Amino acid sequence: MTLAGFVRQCIDRLSALYPEPESKAIAFRLLEHFTEIPSYKYISDPDSVLPGSDRTSEMSSALDELVTGRPLQYVLGFTEFCGHRFKVGEGCLIPRPETEELVSRIIDDLYADEDAPVMPGATGHLSDDEEDGPFSILDICTGSGCIAWSLAAEFPEAMVYGCDLSEAALRYACKQRVKVRGAKPIFFSADVLAEPPAGLPKFDVIVSNPPYICDSERAAMRPNVLDFEPAEALFVPDDDPLKFYRAIARWADALLRPDGHVYLEINERFGPEVAALFPGARLLPDISGRDRFVVR
């Protein structure tokens, strides 16, 4: 099979699920993953023959899975997030670009904060006396652990914690192989809708990307999300869309240091309502201009 033939096959077989540009991008991902053929070769040498029957068979099997609606990230077993590779699969929410924006905002803010953890080559100060303890970050509803691991990799002197109620998600979070120069994140099971577990330290940063999509919004979502990703990590009842944010506010009251900060990803429909739960919070847009983050 030629390179152009495989790309056309992907476009044809995935046409019921994805628009042509997205199907073509998926084809390129499969080629790069299974054959290491770069996407530009589709333009420079579209009639080149794909190498090896084994590789072609692997790509065909992957395409068979994709036709069922299974997400590409589950088929490959990983996704890229903030420059790191994260394992993902059934029971684990696939990280989104908006969440990368949230992490980037935290990193930028902490670099600008003279009391944040020391960076390589920087002259900042890390408060770690016995009374205050080390600079600490809590990621609530951690899922794959992508936020916790990304922040741990960026801030080696910080203690990073992540919690989730899903055992499947926590298994993925604990097994990630992101390189960190300091301590690995500490993951634990907890229900944010209940009281915080005893024994947790005070935190300088609390971050969360909780479920925030209303049940009534399901109809606008694709089968590769609805039929495969965990609904409990995505949806909230129409009659109580802020349930997780109220709970996070209670955790923040109990666990956040007086000068600490909260970072939240939100449903653009409820920006002012979420911000009102965190006095002094700011409502900030994502790269598309949608109200996506609440920061205090």
C-alpha atoms as a PDB file:
ATOM      1  CA  MET A   1       0.000   0.000   0.000  1.00  0.00           C
ATOM      2  CA  THR A   2       1.239   3.485  -0.801  1.00  0.00           C
ATOM      3  CA  LEU A   3       1.381   6.382   1.618  1.00  0.00           C
ATOM      4  CA  ALA A   4      -1.349   8.230  -0.251  1.00  0.00           C
ATOM      5  CA  GLY A   5      -3.450   5.066  -0.386  1.00  0.00           C
ATOM      6  CA  PHE A   6      -3.326   4.632   3.381  1.00  0.00           C
ATOM      7  CA  VAL A   7      -4.259   8.265   4.023  1.00  0.00           C
ATOM      8  CA  ARG A   8      -7.208   7.954   1.635  1.00  0.00           C
ATOM      9  CA  GLN A   9      -8.295   4.737   3.343  1.00  0.00           C
ATOM     10  CA  CYS A  10      -8.312   6.505   6.713  1.00  0.00           C
ATOM     11  CA  ILE A  11     -10.323   9.411   5.349  1.00  0.00           C
ATOM     12  CA  ASP A  12     -12.892   7.080   3.769  1.00  0.00           C
ATOM     13  CA  ARG A  13     -13.295   4.749   6.745  1.00  0.00           C
ATOM     14  CA  LEU A  14     -13.452   7.534   9.331  1.00  0.00           C
ATOM     15  CA  SER A  15     -15.744   9.828   7.323  1.00  0.00           C
ATOM     16  CA  ALA A  16     -18.776   9.032   9.500  1.00  0.00           C
ATOM     17  CA  LEU A  17     -16.899  10.119  12.640  1.00  0.00           C
ATOM     18  CA  TYR A  18     -14.529  12.924  11.663  1.00  0.00           C
ATOM     19  CA  PRO A  19     -14.253  15.667   9.036  1.00  0.00           C
ATOM     20  CA  GLU A  20     -11.620  15.040   6.367  1.00  0.00           C
ATOM     21  CA  PRO A  21      -8.867  17.271   7.844  1.00  0.00           C
ATOM     22  CA  GLU A  22      -9.148  15.496  11.185  1.00  0.00           C
ATOM     23  CA  SER A  23      -9.171  12.050   9.547  1.00  0.00           C
ATOM     24  CA  LYS A  24      -6.054  13.006   7.610  1.00  0.00           C
ATOM     25  CA  ALA A  25      -4.369  14.180  10.822  1.00  0.00           C
ATOM     26  CA  ILE A  26      -5.227  10.824  12.433  1.00  0.00           C
ATOM     27  CA  ALA A  27      -3.678   9.029   9.451  1.00  0.00           C
ATOM     28  CA  PHE A  28      -0.480  11.012   9.910  1.00  0.00           C
ATOM     29  CA  ARG A  29      -0.410  10.154  13.608  1.00  0.00           C
ATOM     30  CA  LEU A  30      -0.724   6.455  12.815  1.00  0.00           C
ATOM     31  CA  LEU A  31       2.032   6.654  10.209  1.00  0.00           C
ATOM     32  CA  GLU A  32       4.397   8.461  12.548  1.00  0.00           C
ATOM     33  CA  HIS A  33       3.640   6.078  15.400  1.00  0.00           C
ATOM     34  CA  PHE A  34       3.905   2.777  13.556  1.00  0.00           C
ATOM     35  CA  THR A  35       6.381   3.581  10.769  1.00  0.00           C
ATOM     36  CA  GLU A  36       8.107   6.827  11.859  1.00  0.00           C
ATOM     37  CA  ILE A  37       7.210   8.305   8.455  1.00  0.00           C
ATOM     38  CA  PRO A  38       6.889  12.103   8.930  1.00  0.00           C
ATOM     39  CA  SER A  39       3.722  13.786   7.703  1.00  0.00           C
ATOM     40  CA  TYR A  40       5.569  15.976   5.186  1.00  0.00           C
ATOM     41  CA  LYS A  41       6.469  12.872   3.149  1.00  0.00           C
ATOM     42  CA  TYR A  42       2.789  12.671   2.161  1.00  0.00           C
ATOM     43  CA  ILE A  43       3.437  15.808   0.110  1.00  0.00           C
ATOM     44  CA  SER A  44       6.977  15.064  -1.073  1.00  0.00           C
ATOM     45  CA  ASP A  45       6.516  11.373  -1.939  1.00  0.00           C
ATOM     46  CA  PRO A  46       2.857  10.288  -1.725  1.00  0.00           C
ATOM     47  CA  ASP A  47       3.405   7.195  -3.901  1.00  0.00           C
ATOM     48  CA  SER A  48       6.060   5.677  -1.638  1.00  0.00           C
ATOM     49  CA  VAL A  49       5.251   2.157  -0.470  1.00  0.00           C
ATOM     50  CA  LEU A  50       4.659   1.581   3.213  1.00  0.00           C
ATOM     51  CA  PRO A  51       7.360  -0.560   4.841  1.00  0.00           C
ATOM     52  CA  GLY A  52       6.744  -4.105   6.072  1.00  0.00           C
ATOM     53  CA  SER A  53       3.564  -6.155   6.217  1.00  0.00           C
ATOM     54  CA  ASP A  54       3.720  -6.251  10.017  1.00  0.00           C
ATOM     55  CA  ARG A  55       3.575  -2.454  10.269  1.00  0.00           C
ATOM     56  CA  THR A  56       0.771  -2.302   7.739  1.00  0.00           C
ATOM     57  CA  SER A  57      -1.147  -4.928   9.721  1.00  0.00           C
ATOM     58  CA  GLU A  58      -0.685  -2.936  12.952  1.00  0.00           C
ATOM     59  CA  MET A  59      -2.001   0.216  11.308  1.00  0.00           C
ATOM     60  CA  SER A  60      -4.978  -1.647   9.856  1.00  0.00           C
ATOM     61  CA  SER A  61      -5.818  -3.038  13.289  1.00  0.00           C
ATOM     62  CA  ALA A  62      -5.563   0.441  14.794  1.00  0.00           C
ATOM     63  CA  LEU A  63      -7.832   1.800  12.078  1.00  0.00           C
ATOM     64  CA  ASP A  64     -10.365  -0.956  12.808  1.00  0.00           C
ATOM     65  CA  GLU A  65     -10.462   0.232  16.420  1.00  0.00           C
ATOM     66  CA  LEU A  66     -10.828   3.860  15.382  1.00  0.00           C
ATOM     67  CA  VAL A  67     -13.799   3.040  13.170  1.00  0.00           C
ATOM     68  CA  THR A  68     -15.680   1.848  16.269  1.00  0.00           C
ATOM     69  CA  GLY A  69     -15.255   5.348  17.717  1.00  0.00           C
ATOM     70  CA  ARG A  70     -12.490   4.452  20.152  1.00  0.00           C
ATOM     71  CA  PRO A  71     -10.365   7.554  20.708  1.00  0.00           C
ATOM     72  CA  LEU A  72      -6.994   7.716  18.990  1.00  0.00           C
ATOM     73  CA  GLN A  73      -5.290   8.280  22.350  1.00  0.00           C
ATOM     74  CA  TYR A  74      -6.749   5.033  23.709  1.00  0.00           C
ATOM     75  CA  VAL A  75      -5.716   3.169  20.553  1.00  0.00           C
ATOM     76  CA  LEU A  76      -2.133   4.394  20.844  1.00  0.00           C
ATOM     77  CA  GLY A  77      -2.159   4.140  24.661  1.00  0.00           C
ATOM     78  CA  PHE A  78      -0.828   7.622  25.285  1.00  0.00           C
ATOM     79  CA  THR A  79      -1.262  11.347  24.681  1.00  0.00           C
ATOM     80  CA  GLU A  80       1.019  14.365  24.748  1.00  0.00           C
ATOM     81  CA  PHE A  81       0.459  17.056  27.366  1.00  0.00           C
ATOM     82  CA  CYS A  82       2.700  20.007  28.238  1.00  0.00           C
ATOM     83  CA  GLY A  83       5.635  18.362  26.509  1.00  0.00           C
ATOM     84  CA  HIS A  84       5.266  15.060  28.373  1.00  0.00           C
ATOM     85  CA  ARG A  85       3.828  11.698  27.323  1.00  0.00           C
ATOM     86  CA  PHE A  86       0.991  10.353  29.466  1.00  0.00           C
ATOM     87  CA  LYS A  87      -0.507   6.887  29.454  1.00  0.00           C
ATOM     88  CA  VAL A  88      -4.281   6.901  28.954  1.00  0.00           C
ATOM     89  CA  GLY A  89      -6.949   4.280  28.424  1.00  0.00           C
ATOM     90  CA  GLU A  90     -10.447   3.250  29.399  1.00  0.00           C
ATOM     91  CA  GLY A  91     -11.520   4.805  32.677  1.00  0.00           C
ATOM     92  CA  CYS A  92      -9.146   7.741  32.282  1.00  0.00           C
ATOM     93  CA  LEU A  93     -10.151  11.128  30.864  1.00  0.00           C
ATOM     94  CA  ILE A  94      -8.030  12.255  27.907  1.00  0.00           C
ATOM     95  CA  PRO A  95      -6.316  15.581  28.722  1.00  0.00           C
ATOM     96  CA  ARG A  96      -7.491  18.539  26.620  1.00  0.00           C
ATOM     97  CA  PRO A  97      -5.616  21.560  25.221  1.00  0.00           C
ATOM     98  CA  GLU A  98      -7.569  23.889  27.512  1.00  0.00           C
ATOM     99  CA  THR A  99      -6.065  22.115  30.498  1.00  0.00           C
ATOM    100  CA  GLU A 100      -2.603  22.684  29.043  1.00  0.00           C
ATOM    101  CA  GLU A 101      -3.459  26.376  29.038  1.00  0.00           C
ATOM    102  CA  LEU A 102      -4.388  26.138  32.705  1.00  0.00           C
ATOM    103  CA  VAL A 103      -1.062  24.508  33.581  1.00  0.00           C
ATOM    104  CA  SER A 104       0.849  27.082  31.539  1.00  0.00           C
ATOM    105  CA  ARG A 105      -0.911  29.870  33.408  1.00  0.00           C
ATOM    106  CA  ILE A 106       0.065  28.360  36.764  1.00  0.00           C
ATOM    107  CA  ILE A 107       3.676  27.968  35.644  1.00  0.00           C
ATOM    108  CA  ASP A 108       3.845  31.550  34.382  1.00  0.00           C
ATOM    109  CA  ASP A 109       2.334  32.896  37.599  1.00  0.00           C
ATOM    110  CA  LEU A 110       4.678  30.917  39.836  1.00  0.00           C
ATOM    111  CA  TYR A 111       7.742  31.969  37.870  1.00  0.00           C
ATOM    112  CA  ALA A 112       6.638  35.545  38.436  1.00  0.00           C
ATOM    113  CA  ASP A 113       6.113  34.942  42.176  1.00  0.00           C
ATOM    114  CA  GLU A 114       9.243  35.494  44.243  1.00  0.00           C
ATOM    115  CA  ASP A 115       7.915  33.145  46.920  1.00  0.00           C
ATOM    116  CA  ALA A 116       7.424  30.269  44.480  1.00  0.00           C
ATOM    117  CA  PRO A 117       9.721  27.224  44.317  1.00  0.00           C
ATOM    118  CA  VAL A 118      13.272  27.799  43.138  1.00  0.00           C
ATOM    119  CA  MET A 119      13.808  27.324  39.393  1.00  0.00           C
ATOM    120  CA  PRO A 120      17.108  26.302  37.802  1.00  0.00           C
ATOM    121  CA  GLY A 121      19.257  29.398  37.594  1.00  0.00           C
ATOM    122  CA  ALA A 122      16.754  31.559  39.471  1.00  0.00           C
ATOM    123  CA  THR A 123      17.230  33.343  42.749  1.00  0.00           C
ATOM    124  CA  GLY A 124      13.790  32.833  44.246  1.00  0.00           C
ATOM    125  CA  HIS A 125      13.083  31.665  47.796  1.00  0.00           C
ATOM    126  CA  LEU A 126      11.262  28.542  48.868  1.00  0.00           C
ATOM    127  CA  SER A 127       9.636  28.803  52.254  1.00  0.00           C
ATOM    128  CA  ASP A 128      10.294  25.458  53.928  1.00  0.00           C
ATOM    129  CA  ASP A 129      10.661  26.138  57.601  1.00  0.00           C
ATOM    130  CA  GLU A 130       9.105  23.792  60.116  1.00  0.00           C
ATOM    131  CA  GLU A 131       6.071  25.980  60.653  1.00  0.00           C
ATOM    132  CA  ASP A 132       5.060  26.447  57.021  1.00  0.00           C
ATOM    133  CA  GLY A 133       6.417  23.299  55.403  1.00  0.00           C
ATOM    134  CA  PRO A 134       7.461  23.075  51.737  1.00  0.00           C
ATOM    135  CA  PHE A 135       5.675  24.780  48.879  1.00  0.00           C
ATOM    136  CA  SER A 136       2.758  22.442  48.151  1.00  0.00           C
ATOM    137  CA  ILE A 137       0.288  21.972  45.293  1.00  0.00           C
ATOM    138  CA  LEU A 138      -2.949  19.962  45.305  1.00  0.00           C
ATOM    139  CA  ASP A 139      -4.588  18.765  42.080  1.00  0.00           C
ATOM    140  CA  ILE A 140      -8.209  17.824  42.795  1.00  0.00           C
ATOM    141  CA  CYS A 141      -9.894  15.399  40.339  1.00  0.00           C
ATOM    142  CA  THR A 142      -6.452  14.544  39.004  1.00  0.00           C
ATOM    143  CA  GLY A 143      -7.535  11.927  36.432  1.00  0.00           C
ATOM    144  CA  SER A 144      -4.457  10.835  34.485  1.00  0.00           C
ATOM    145  CA  GLY A 145      -2.310  12.982  36.771  1.00  0.00           C
ATOM    146  CA  CYS A 146      -1.319  15.214  33.851  1.00  0.00           C
ATOM    147  CA  ILE A 147      -1.581  18.431  35.867  1.00  0.00           C
ATOM    148  CA  ALA A 148       0.185  17.053  38.930  1.00  0.00           C
ATOM    149  CA  TRP A 149       3.039  15.468  36.977  1.00  0.00           C
ATOM    150  CA  SER A 150       3.524  18.523  34.752  1.00  0.00           C
ATOM    151  CA  LEU A 151       3.791  20.826  37.755  1.00  0.00           C
ATOM    152  CA  ALA A 152       6.084  18.411  39.600  1.00  0.00           C
ATOM    153  CA  ALA A 153       8.376  18.339  36.569  1.00  0.00           C
ATOM    154  CA  GLU A 154       8.435  22.125  36.391  1.00  0.00           C
ATOM    155  CA  PHE A 155       8.901  22.780  40.116  1.00  0.00           C
ATOM    156  CA  PRO A 156      11.278  20.167  41.580  1.00  0.00           C
ATOM    157  CA  GLU A 157      11.252  21.681  45.073  1.00  0.00           C
ATOM    158  CA  ALA A 158       7.474  21.627  45.392  1.00  0.00           C
ATOM    159  CA  MET A 159       5.470  18.836  46.996  1.00  0.00           C
ATOM    160  CA  VAL A 160       2.660  17.939  44.600  1.00  0.00           C
ATOM    161  CA  TYR A 161      -0.430  15.918  45.545  1.00  0.00           C
ATOM    162  CA  GLY A 162      -3.251  14.615  43.368  1.00  0.00           C
ATOM    163  CA  CYS A 163      -6.552  13.040  44.348  1.00  0.00           C
ATOM    164  CA  ASP A 164      -9.426  11.367  42.574  1.00  0.00           C
ATOM    165  CA  LEU A 165     -12.319   9.079  43.439  1.00  0.00           C
ATOM    166  CA  SER A 166     -11.797   6.872  40.383  1.00  0.00           C
ATOM    167  CA  GLU A 167      -9.565   3.867  41.046  1.00  0.00           C
ATOM    168  CA  ALA A 168      -9.008   3.415  37.300  1.00  0.00           C
ATOM    169  CA  ALA A 169      -7.820   6.997  36.903  1.00  0.00           C
ATOM    170  CA  LEU A 170      -5.537   6.748  39.930  1.00  0.00           C
ATOM    171  CA  ARG A 171      -3.913   3.629  38.503  1.00  0.00           C
ATOM    172  CA  TYR A 172      -2.948   5.615  35.441  1.00  0.00           C
ATOM    173  CA  ALA A 173      -1.827   8.609  37.503  1.00  0.00           C
ATOM    174  CA  CYS A 174       0.475   6.476  39.644  1.00  0.00           C
ATOM    175  CA  LYS A 175       2.021   4.702  36.644  1.00  0.00           C
ATOM    176  CA  GLN A 176       3.012   7.751  34.599  1.00  0.00           C
ATOM    177  CA  ARG A 177       6.692   7.930  33.730  1.00  0.00           C
ATOM    178  CA  VAL A 178       7.267  11.658  33.547  1.00  0.00           C
ATOM    179  CA  LYS A 179      10.815  12.608  34.456  1.00  0.00           C
ATOM    180  CA  VAL A 180      10.970  14.805  37.540  1.00  0.00           C
ATOM    181  CA  ARG A 181      14.047  16.130  39.309  1.00  0.00           C
ATOM    182  CA  GLY A 182      12.390  16.278  42.717  1.00  0.00           C
ATOM    183  CA  ALA A 183       9.780  14.204  44.480  1.00  0.00           C
ATOM    184  CA  LYS A 184       7.158  12.397  42.439  1.00  0.00           C
ATOM    185  CA  PRO A 185       3.534  13.476  42.999  1.00  0.00           C
ATOM    186  CA  ILE A 186       1.682  11.789  45.836  1.00  0.00           C
ATOM    187  CA  PHE A 187      -1.690  10.409  44.711  1.00  0.00           C
ATOM    188  CA  PHE A 188      -4.527   9.408  47.002  1.00  0.00           C
ATOM    189  CA  SER A 189      -8.159   8.424  46.771  1.00  0.00           C
ATOM    190  CA  ALA A 190     -10.665  11.028  47.895  1.00  0.00           C
ATOM    191  CA  ASP A 191     -14.164  12.217  47.082  1.00  0.00           C
ATOM    192  CA  VAL A 192     -14.109  15.995  46.718  1.00  0.00           C
ATOM    193  CA  LEU A 193     -17.837  16.051  47.506  1.00  0.00           C
ATOM    194  CA  ALA A 194     -16.969  14.805  51.005  1.00  0.00           C
ATOM    195  CA  GLU A 195     -14.747  16.422  53.619  1.00  0.00           C
ATOM    196  CA  PRO A 196     -10.981  16.524  52.971  1.00  0.00           C
ATOM    197  CA  PRO A 197      -9.112  13.527  54.414  1.00  0.00           C
ATOM    198  CA  ALA A 198      -7.328  14.092  57.695  1.00  0.00           C
ATOM    199  CA  GLY A 199      -3.584  14.614  57.706  1.00  0.00           C
ATOM    200  CA  LEU A 200      -3.204  16.705  54.555  1.00  0.00           C
ATOM    201  CA  PRO A 201      -0.818  19.672  54.683  1.00  0.00           C
ATOM    202  CA  LYS A 202      -1.717  23.255  53.887  1.00  0.00           C
ATOM    203  CA  PHE A 203      -1.363  24.102  50.197  1.00  0.00           C
ATOM    204  CA  ASP A 204      -0.003  27.117  48.350  1.00  0.00           C
ATOM    205  CA  VAL A 205      -1.861  26.189  45.162  1.00  0.00           C
ATOM    206  CA  ILE A 206      -5.064  24.227  44.628  1.00  0.00           C
ATOM    207  CA  VAL A 207      -5.886  23.408  41.019  1.00  0.00           C
ATOM    208  CA  SER A 208      -8.753  21.439  39.541  1.00  0.00           C
ATOM    209  CA  ASN A 209     -10.346  20.479  36.255  1.00  0.00           C
ATOM    210  CA  PRO A 210     -13.491  18.862  37.678  1.00  0.00           C
ATOM    211  CA  PRO A 211     -16.545  17.553  35.798  1.00  0.00           C
ATOM    212  CA  TYR A 212     -18.398  20.572  34.425  1.00  0.00           C
ATOM    213  CA  ILE A 213     -20.306  19.598  31.257  1.00  0.00           C
ATOM    214  CA  CYS A 214     -24.075  19.617  31.788  1.00  0.00           C
ATOM    215  CA  ASP A 215     -26.033  16.468  30.989  1.00  0.00           C
ATOM    216  CA  SER A 216     -28.058  18.439  28.441  1.00  0.00           C
ATOM    217  CA  GLU A 217     -24.862  19.134  26.483  1.00  0.00           C
ATOM    218  CA  ARG A 218     -24.275  15.440  25.741  1.00  0.00           C
ATOM    219  CA  ALA A 219     -26.201  15.651  22.467  1.00  0.00           C
ATOM    220  CA  ALA A 220     -23.546  17.951  20.985  1.00  0.00           C
ATOM    221  CA  MET A 221     -20.659  15.606  21.796  1.00  0.00           C
ATOM    222  CA  ARG A 222     -19.038  12.963  19.616  1.00  0.00           C
ATOM    223  CA  PRO A 223     -19.381   9.201  20.107  1.00  0.00           C
ATOM    224  CA  ASN A 224     -15.629   8.847  20.682  1.00  0.00           C
ATOM    225  CA  VAL A 225     -16.175  10.864  23.889  1.00  0.00           C
ATOM    226  CA  LEU A 226     -19.637   9.695  24.947  1.00  0.00           C
ATOM    227  CA  ASP A 227     -19.094   5.983  24.343  1.00  0.00           C
ATOM    228  CA  PHE A 228     -15.560   5.630  25.688  1.00  0.00           C
ATOM    229  CA  GLU A 229     -14.420   8.308  28.128  1.00  0.00           C
ATOM    230  CA  PRO A 230     -15.633   8.102  31.749  1.00  0.00           C
ATOM    231  CA  ALA A 231     -18.901   9.995  32.143  1.00  0.00           C
ATOM    232  CA  GLU A 232     -18.215  10.639  35.831  1.00  0.00           C
ATOM    233  CA  ALA A 233     -15.191  12.737  34.845  1.00  0.00           C
ATOM    234  CA  LEU A 234     -17.192  14.846  32.392  1.00  0.00           C
ATOM    235  CA  PHE A 235     -20.786  15.451  33.361  1.00  0.00           C
ATOM    236  CA  VAL A 236     -22.803  17.200  36.043  1.00  0.00           C
ATOM    237  CA  PRO A 237     -26.589  17.427  36.504  1.00  0.00           C
ATOM    238  CA  ASP A 238     -28.357  20.319  34.786  1.00  0.00           C
ATOM    239  CA  ASP A 239     -29.972  21.258  38.073  1.00  0.00           C
ATOM    240  CA  ASP A 240     -26.660  21.410  39.970  1.00  0.00           C
ATOM    241  CA  PRO A 241     -23.840  22.372  37.571  1.00  0.00           C
ATOM    242  CA  LEU A 242     -21.653  23.937  40.286  1.00  0.00           C
ATOM    243  CA  LYS A 243     -21.645  20.995  42.697  1.00  0.00           C
ATOM    244  CA  PHE A 244     -17.921  20.322  42.322  1.00  0.00           C
ATOM    245  CA  TYR A 245     -16.927  23.964  42.553  1.00  0.00           C
ATOM    246  CA  ARG A 246     -18.812  24.417  45.816  1.00  0.00           C
ATOM    247  CA  ALA A 247     -16.983  21.372  47.145  1.00  0.00           C
ATOM    248  CA  ILE A 248     -13.607  22.696  45.966  1.00  0.00           C
ATOM    249  CA  ALA A 249     -14.370  25.992  47.698  1.00  0.00           C
ATOM    250  CA  ARG A 250     -14.907  24.078  50.961  1.00  0.00           C
ATOM    251  CA  TRP A 251     -11.605  22.234  50.483  1.00  0.00           C
ATOM    252  CA  ALA A 252      -9.871  25.542  49.768  1.00  0.00           C
ATOM    253  CA  ASP A 253     -11.292  27.047  52.970  1.00  0.00           C
ATOM    254  CA  ALA A 254      -9.869  24.115  54.927  1.00  0.00           C
ATOM    255  CA  LEU A 255      -6.570  23.502  53.125  1.00  0.00           C
ATOM    256  CA  LEU A 256      -5.365  26.649  51.385  1.00  0.00           C
ATOM    257  CA  ARG A 257      -2.753  28.827  53.029  1.00  0.00           C
ATOM    258  CA  PRO A 258      -3.836  32.437  53.625  1.00  0.00           C
ATOM    259  CA  ASP A 259      -1.807  33.714  50.661  1.00  0.00           C
ATOM    260  CA  GLY A 260      -2.513  30.654  48.497  1.00  0.00           C
ATOM    261  CA  HIS A 261      -4.034  30.533  45.024  1.00  0.00           C
ATOM    262  CA  VAL A 262      -6.808  28.593  43.306  1.00  0.00           C
ATOM    263  CA  TYR A 263      -6.830  27.681  39.596  1.00  0.00           C
ATOM    264  CA  LEU A 264      -9.936  26.165  38.013  1.00  0.00           C
ATOM    265  CA  GLU A 265     -11.046  25.081  34.567  1.00  0.00           C
ATOM    266  CA  ILE A 266     -14.741  25.815  34.067  1.00  0.00           C
ATOM    267  CA  ASN A 267     -17.749  25.602  31.788  1.00  0.00           C
ATOM    268  CA  GLU A 268     -17.918  28.913  29.922  1.00  0.00           C
ATOM    269  CA  ARG A 269     -21.664  29.086  30.683  1.00  0.00           C
ATOM    270  CA  PHE A 270     -21.084  29.537  34.401  1.00  0.00           C
ATOM    271  CA  GLY A 271     -18.036  31.764  34.712  1.00  0.00           C
ATOM    272  CA  PRO A 272     -19.465  34.496  36.986  1.00  0.00           C
ATOM    273  CA  GLU A 273     -21.246  31.931  39.170  1.00  0.00           C
ATOM    274  CA  VAL A 274     -18.042  29.930  39.750  1.00  0.00           C
ATOM    275  CA  ALA A 275     -15.977  33.062  40.376  1.00  0.00           C
ATOM    276  CA  ALA A 276     -18.501  34.196  43.010  1.00  0.00           C
ATOM    277  CA  LEU A 277     -17.689  31.067  45.041  1.00  0.00           C
ATOM    278  CA  PHE A 278     -14.078  32.260  45.418  1.00  0.00           C
ATOM    279  CA  PRO A 279     -14.041  35.875  46.667  1.00  0.00           C
ATOM    280  CA  GLY A 280     -11.510  37.966  44.798  1.00  0.00           C
ATOM    281  CA  ALA A 281     -11.287  35.514  41.904  1.00  0.00           C
ATOM    282  CA  ARG A 282     -10.753  36.552  38.277  1.00  0.00           C
ATOM    283  CA  LEU A 283     -12.531  35.097  35.270  1.00  0.00           C
ATOM    284  CA  LEU A 284     -10.070  34.533  32.402  1.00  0.00           C
ATOM    285  CA  PRO A 285     -10.503  33.442  28.763  1.00  0.00           C
ATOM    286  CA  ASP A 286      -8.852  30.571  26.931  1.00  0.00           C
ATOM    287  CA  ILE A 287      -7.017  31.005  23.638  1.00  0.00           C
ATOM    288  CA  SER A 288     -10.359  30.979  21.813  1.00  0.00           C
ATOM    289  CA  GLY A 289     -11.718  33.827  23.912  1.00  0.00           C
ATOM    290  CA  ARG A 290     -14.145  31.666  25.908  1.00  0.00           C
ATOM    291  CA  ASP A 291     -14.487  32.116  29.668  1.00  0.00           C
ATOM    292  CA  ARG A 292     -12.526  29.030  30.720  1.00  0.00           C
ATOM    293  CA  PHE A 293     -10.589  29.710  33.915  1.00  0.00           C
ATOM    294  CA  VAL A 294     -11.230  31.075  37.370  1.00  0.00           C
ATOM    295  CA  VAL A 295      -8.102  32.181  39.223  1.00  0.00           C
ATOM    296  CA  ARG A 296      -7.757  33.527  42.725  1.00  0.00           C
END
